[in-house]
């Protein structure tokens, strides 16, 4: 078993190494977007079954929220790599944007 990546950059490198071991390489961004949509749908179904009003179907394959989030993370990293997006920089930009936008909307914990 390998240890989890420590940084977002490490995760992007790990996914890149894994994908580049295969001759086919990266799927197109549109194919990865479709995969991401499928994975988010699987997470939505699972959360609805466990925390919502929908009872589990008898033929559903059991998975965990952790597994589904891992699938989503993998596809997001794959999509970012294929489009040359630095997810660490992207996340930092979003946090700065939210900090400015929400500075007066919420009460900070002391």
Protein backbone atom coordinates (compact mmCIF):
# COMPACT_ATOMS: atom_id res chain seq x y z
CA UNK A 1 0.00 0.00 0.00
CA UNK A 2 1.29 3.44 -0.86
CA UNK A 3 1.09 6.47 1.38
CA UNK A 4 -1.33 9.26 0.46
CA UNK A 5 0.11 12.32 -1.29
CA UNK A 6 0.97 15.09 1.15
CA UNK A 7 0.18 18.03 -1.13
CA UNK A 8 -2.11 18.79 -4.02
CA UNK A 9 0.95 18.98 -6.27
CA UNK A 10 1.99 15.51 -5.07
CA UNK A 11 -1.50 14.22 -5.89
CA UNK A 12 -1.34 15.72 -9.37
CA UNK A 13 2.08 14.11 -9.91
CA UNK A 14 0.85 10.73 -8.64
CA UNK A 15 -2.16 10.75 -10.97
CA UNK A 16 0.04 11.83 -13.88
CA UNK A 17 2.47 8.97 -13.23
CA UNK A 18 -0.38 6.48 -13.00
CA UNK A 19 -2.02 7.64 -16.23
CA UNK A 20 1.25 7.83 -18.16
CA UNK A 21 2.04 4.19 -17.46
CA UNK A 22 -0.71 3.34 -19.98
CA UNK A 23 -0.24 3.77 -23.70
CA UNK A 24 -3.63 5.46 -24.06
CA UNK A 25 -2.71 8.32 -21.72
CA UNK A 26 -5.25 10.95 -20.77
CA UNK A 27 -8.82 10.88 -22.01
CA UNK A 28 -10.11 14.06 -23.62
CA UNK A 29 -11.35 16.80 -21.28
CA UNK A 30 -14.91 16.21 -22.48
CA UNK A 31 -14.67 12.49 -21.67
CA UNK A 32 -13.27 13.33 -18.23
CA UNK A 33 -16.09 15.78 -17.65
CA UNK A 34 -18.58 13.03 -18.47
CA UNK A 35 -16.74 10.71 -16.04
CA UNK A 36 -16.87 13.40 -13.37
CA UNK A 37 -20.61 13.79 -13.86
CA UNK A 38 -21.06 10.02 -13.52
CA UNK A 39 -19.01 9.92 -10.31
CA UNK A 40 -20.88 12.86 -8.77
CA UNK A 41 -24.13 11.06 -9.60
CA UNK A 42 -22.90 7.95 -7.80
CA UNK A 43 -22.05 10.04 -4.74
CA UNK A 44 -25.44 11.74 -4.86
CA UNK A 45 -27.23 8.38 -4.99
CA UNK A 46 -25.21 7.07 -2.06
CA UNK A 47 -25.76 10.16 0.09
CA UNK A 48 -29.48 10.11 -0.74
CA UNK A 49 -29.69 6.45 0.27
CA UNK A 50 -27.79 6.96 3.53
CA UNK A 51 -28.84 10.45 4.57
CA UNK A 52 -31.88 11.27 2.46
CA UNK A 53 -35.30 9.87 1.76
CA UNK A 54 -34.45 7.29 -0.91
CA UNK A 55 -34.20 3.70 0.32
CA UNK A 56 -31.30 1.67 -1.15
CA UNK A 57 -32.22 -0.40 -4.17
CA UNK A 58 -31.80 -4.15 -3.72
CA UNK A 59 -29.42 -4.49 -6.67
CA UNK A 60 -27.16 -1.55 -5.80
CA UNK A 61 -23.47 -2.31 -5.47
CA UNK A 62 -22.35 -1.14 -2.05
CA UNK A 63 -19.66 1.50 -1.95
CA UNK A 64 -18.61 4.07 0.59
CA UNK A 65 -18.77 7.83 0.55
CA UNK A 66 -14.98 7.79 0.92
CA UNK A 67 -14.63 5.65 -2.22
CA UNK A 68 -16.95 7.89 -4.22
CA UNK A 69 -15.17 11.06 -3.08
CA UNK A 70 -11.86 9.40 -4.00
CA UNK A 71 -13.21 8.65 -7.49
CA UNK A 72 -14.33 12.27 -7.86
CA UNK A 73 -10.98 13.59 -6.66
CA UNK A 74 -9.12 11.33 -9.10
CA UNK A 75 -11.20 12.54 -12.04
CA UNK A 76 -10.89 16.22 -11.00
CA UNK A 77 -7.11 15.81 -10.84
CA UNK A 78 -7.11 14.03 -14.19
CA UNK A 79 -9.14 16.83 -15.75
CA UNK A 80 -6.86 19.48 -14.24
CA UNK A 81 -3.73 17.69 -15.42
CA UNK A 82 -5.06 17.32 -18.95
CA UNK A 83 -5.80 21.06 -19.05
CA UNK A 84 -2.51 22.11 -17.36
CA UNK A 85 -4.27 23.54 -14.29
CA UNK A 86 -2.34 23.84 -11.03
CA UNK A 87 -4.99 22.80 -8.51
CA UNK A 88 -3.02 24.23 -5.57
CA UNK A 89 -3.01 27.66 -7.19
CA UNK A 90 -6.67 27.23 -8.20
CA UNK A 91 -7.67 26.37 -4.62
CA UNK A 92 -5.71 29.29 -3.21
CA UNK A 93 -7.51 31.63 -5.61
CA UNK A 94 -10.90 30.27 -4.57
CA UNK A 95 -10.09 30.61 -0.86
CA UNK A 96 -9.02 34.23 -1.40
CA UNK A 97 -12.17 34.94 -3.42
CA UNK A 98 -14.42 33.40 -0.74
CA UNK A 99 -12.57 35.22 2.03
CA UNK A 100 -13.21 38.58 0.35
CA UNK A 101 -16.76 37.77 -0.67
CA UNK A 102 -17.84 36.36 2.67
CA UNK A 103 -15.89 38.70 4.98
CA UNK A 104 -19.08 40.45 6.07
CA UNK A 105 -21.59 37.64 5.57
CA UNK A 106 -20.58 35.38 8.43
CA UNK A 107 -19.27 35.73 11.97
CA UNK A 108 -15.78 34.37 12.42
CA UNK A 109 -15.04 32.07 15.34
CA UNK A 110 -12.78 33.57 17.95
